[in-house]
């Protein structure tokens, strides 16, 4: 899996990130997995055509001292559809910038 990993995060900052994600990301059925929604203007042509598969999301996993963002764009409704796939460059930049903005906004030290 291609992903973006940020590690060596203090327990205090992990708690801040967890609170932020509970307010600003989509929750999953797993405690430490969150979904980041990809904006419509960044969707591929196929993803735009598959309205029934929206929203499109990327996973963010929060560990004990790390956070990992996957570079796989998934349909939130149909995991086996052909419209799911690795991020385009613009989608990947969005995911990285999401993490970087969150870290900066929260004052997390890495």
C-alpha atoms as a PDB file:
ATOM      1  CA  UNK A   1       0.000   0.000   0.000  1.00  0.00           C
ATOM      2  CA  UNK A   2       1.285   3.445  -0.838  1.00  0.00           C
ATOM      3  CA  UNK A   3       0.916   5.813   2.078  1.00  0.00           C
ATOM      4  CA  UNK A   4       2.133   8.928   3.873  1.00  0.00           C
ATOM      5  CA  UNK A   5       3.461   8.244   7.382  1.00  0.00           C
ATOM      6  CA  UNK A   6       4.124  10.794  10.100  1.00  0.00           C
ATOM      7  CA  UNK A   7       5.712   9.262  13.182  1.00  0.00           C
ATOM      8  CA  UNK A   8       7.320  10.155  16.499  1.00  0.00           C
ATOM      9  CA  UNK A   9       4.207  12.022  17.640  1.00  0.00           C
ATOM     10  CA  UNK A  10       3.802  12.519  21.383  1.00  0.00           C
ATOM     11  CA  UNK A  11       0.843  10.901  23.203  1.00  0.00           C
ATOM     12  CA  UNK A  12      -0.495  14.384  23.999  1.00  0.00           C
ATOM     13  CA  UNK A  13      -0.438  15.348  20.322  1.00  0.00           C
ATOM     14  CA  UNK A  14      -2.010  12.014  19.280  1.00  0.00           C
ATOM     15  CA  UNK A  15      -4.949  12.897  21.549  1.00  0.00           C
ATOM     16  CA  UNK A  16      -5.249  16.322  19.911  1.00  0.00           C
ATOM     17  CA  UNK A  17      -5.216  14.726  16.463  1.00  0.00           C
ATOM     18  CA  UNK A  18      -7.865  12.198  17.534  1.00  0.00           C
ATOM     19  CA  UNK A  19     -10.179  14.976  18.737  1.00  0.00           C
ATOM     20  CA  UNK A  20      -9.609  16.925  15.538  1.00  0.00           C
ATOM     21  CA  UNK A  21     -10.421  13.907  13.372  1.00  0.00           C
ATOM     22  CA  UNK A  22     -13.596  13.122  15.308  1.00  0.00           C
ATOM     23  CA  UNK A  23     -14.813  16.621  14.453  1.00  0.00           C
ATOM     24  CA  UNK A  24     -13.408  17.032  10.934  1.00  0.00           C
ATOM     25  CA  UNK A  25     -13.177  13.628   9.258  1.00  0.00           C
ATOM     26  CA  UNK A  26     -15.630  10.818   8.629  1.00  0.00           C
ATOM     27  CA  UNK A  27     -15.640   8.119  11.310  1.00  0.00           C
ATOM     28  CA  UNK A  28     -15.333   4.456  10.431  1.00  0.00           C
ATOM     29  CA  UNK A  29     -16.522   1.398  12.319  1.00  0.00           C
ATOM     30  CA  UNK A  30     -12.980   1.048  13.705  1.00  0.00           C
ATOM     31  CA  UNK A  31     -11.853   3.338  16.529  1.00  0.00           C
ATOM     32  CA  UNK A  32      -8.642   4.694  15.048  1.00  0.00           C
ATOM     33  CA  UNK A  33      -9.550   4.705  11.356  1.00  0.00           C
ATOM     34  CA  UNK A  34     -10.991   7.823   9.793  1.00  0.00           C
ATOM     35  CA  UNK A  35     -11.965   8.739   6.254  1.00  0.00           C
ATOM     36  CA  UNK A  36     -10.959  11.906   4.436  1.00  0.00           C
ATOM     37  CA  UNK A  37     -13.354  12.842   1.674  1.00  0.00           C
ATOM     38  CA  UNK A  38     -11.828  13.736  -1.679  1.00  0.00           C
ATOM     39  CA  UNK A  39     -13.341  16.971  -3.075  1.00  0.00           C
ATOM     40  CA  UNK A  40     -15.415  16.608  -6.240  1.00  0.00           C
ATOM     41  CA  UNK A  41     -13.113  18.882  -8.238  1.00  0.00           C
ATOM     42  CA  UNK A  42     -10.264  16.394  -7.697  1.00  0.00           C
ATOM     43  CA  UNK A  43     -12.140  13.296  -8.859  1.00  0.00           C
ATOM     44  CA  UNK A  44     -11.070  11.436 -11.989  1.00  0.00           C
ATOM     45  CA  UNK A  45     -13.345  11.276 -15.021  1.00  0.00           C
ATOM     46  CA  UNK A  46     -14.448   7.760 -14.049  1.00  0.00           C
ATOM     47  CA  UNK A  47     -15.132   8.794 -10.447  1.00  0.00           C
ATOM     48  CA  UNK A  48     -17.216  11.733 -11.671  1.00  0.00           C
ATOM     49  CA  UNK A  49     -19.277   9.388 -13.820  1.00  0.00           C
ATOM     50  CA  UNK A  50     -19.887   6.962 -10.929  1.00  0.00           C
ATOM     51  CA  UNK A  51     -22.246   9.159  -8.899  1.00  0.00           C
ATOM     52  CA  UNK A  52     -23.610   6.091  -7.091  1.00  0.00           C
ATOM     53  CA  UNK A  53     -20.151   5.357  -5.653  1.00  0.00           C
ATOM     54  CA  UNK A  54     -19.712   8.735  -3.956  1.00  0.00           C
ATOM     55  CA  UNK A  55     -18.334   9.998  -1.700  1.00  0.00           C
ATOM     56  CA  UNK A  56     -14.756   8.987  -2.446  1.00  0.00           C
ATOM     57  CA  UNK A  57     -12.498   8.654   0.552  1.00  0.00           C
ATOM     58  CA  UNK A  58      -8.946   7.941   1.705  1.00  0.00           C
ATOM     59  CA  UNK A  59      -8.155   6.182   4.957  1.00  0.00           C
ATOM     60  CA  UNK A  60      -6.302   7.808   7.824  1.00  0.00           C
ATOM     61  CA  UNK A  61      -5.105   5.502  10.597  1.00  0.00           C
ATOM     62  CA  UNK A  62      -4.065   6.862  13.977  1.00  0.00           C
ATOM     63  CA  UNK A  63      -1.498   4.794  15.874  1.00  0.00           C
ATOM     64  CA  UNK A  64       0.032   5.154  19.321  1.00  0.00           C
ATOM     65  CA  UNK A  65       2.686   7.616  18.078  1.00  0.00           C
ATOM     66  CA  UNK A  66       2.029   7.889  14.340  1.00  0.00           C
ATOM     67  CA  UNK A  67      -0.555   8.636  11.724  1.00  0.00           C
ATOM     68  CA  UNK A  68      -0.765   7.089   8.280  1.00  0.00           C
ATOM     69  CA  UNK A  69      -2.734   8.305   5.285  1.00  0.00           C
ATOM     70  CA  UNK A  70      -3.288   5.845   2.482  1.00  0.00           C
ATOM     71  CA  UNK A  71      -2.952   6.937  -1.126  1.00  0.00           C
ATOM     72  CA  UNK A  72      -5.856   4.737  -2.209  1.00  0.00           C
ATOM     73  CA  UNK A  73      -9.059   6.516  -3.200  1.00  0.00           C
ATOM     74  CA  UNK A  74     -12.035   4.297  -2.433  1.00  0.00           C
ATOM     75  CA  UNK A  75     -15.702   4.449  -3.089  1.00  0.00           C
ATOM     76  CA  UNK A  76     -17.488   4.650   0.247  1.00  0.00           C
ATOM     77  CA  UNK A  77     -20.361   2.605  -1.183  1.00  0.00           C
ATOM     78  CA  UNK A  78     -18.793  -0.036  -3.426  1.00  0.00           C
ATOM     79  CA  UNK A  79     -15.275  -1.166  -2.518  1.00  0.00           C
ATOM     80  CA  UNK A  80     -15.009  -3.469  -5.553  1.00  0.00           C
ATOM     81  CA  UNK A  81     -15.813  -0.884  -8.233  1.00  0.00           C
ATOM     82  CA  UNK A  82     -13.285  -0.002 -10.935  1.00  0.00           C
ATOM     83  CA  UNK A  83     -13.478   3.661  -9.920  1.00  0.00           C
ATOM     84  CA  UNK A  84     -11.347   2.957  -6.824  1.00  0.00           C
ATOM     85  CA  UNK A  85      -7.597   3.232  -7.289  1.00  0.00           C
ATOM     86  CA  UNK A  86      -4.413   4.944  -6.251  1.00  0.00           C
ATOM     87  CA  UNK A  87      -4.493   8.727  -5.972  1.00  0.00           C
ATOM     88  CA  UNK A  88      -3.787  10.961  -8.897  1.00  0.00           C
ATOM     89  CA  UNK A  89      -1.081  13.549  -8.244  1.00  0.00           C
ATOM     90  CA  UNK A  90      -3.707  16.161  -7.308  1.00  0.00           C
ATOM     91  CA  UNK A  91      -5.510  13.758  -4.963  1.00  0.00           C
ATOM     92  CA  UNK A  92      -2.216  12.734  -3.355  1.00  0.00           C
ATOM     93  CA  UNK A  93      -1.284  16.388  -2.815  1.00  0.00           C
ATOM     94  CA  UNK A  94      -4.688  17.010  -1.226  1.00  0.00           C
ATOM     95  CA  UNK A  95      -4.159  14.129   1.242  1.00  0.00           C
ATOM     96  CA  UNK A  96      -0.649  15.315   2.159  1.00  0.00           C
ATOM     97  CA  UNK A  97      -1.809  18.914   2.533  1.00  0.00           C
ATOM     98  CA  UNK A  98      -4.723  17.778   4.724  1.00  0.00           C
ATOM     99  CA  UNK A  99      -2.237  16.171   7.127  1.00  0.00           C
ATOM    100  CA  UNK A 100       0.171  19.093   7.016  1.00  0.00           C
ATOM    101  CA  UNK A 101      -2.582  21.677   7.654  1.00  0.00           C
ATOM    102  CA  UNK A 102      -3.936  19.615  10.545  1.00  0.00           C
ATOM    103  CA  UNK A 103      -0.484  19.336  12.130  1.00  0.00           C
ATOM    104  CA  UNK A 104       0.170  23.045  11.719  1.00  0.00           C
ATOM    105  CA  UNK A 105      -3.287  24.048  13.011  1.00  0.00           C
ATOM    106  CA  UNK A 106      -2.918  21.847  16.100  1.00  0.00           C
ATOM    107  CA  UNK A 107       0.697  22.827  16.781  1.00  0.00           C
ATOM    108  CA  UNK A 108       1.813  19.190  16.660  1.00  0.00           C
ATOM    109  CA  UNK A 109       5.565  18.645  16.883  1.00  0.00           C
ATOM    110  CA  UNK A 110       7.034  16.052  14.540  1.00  0.00           C
END
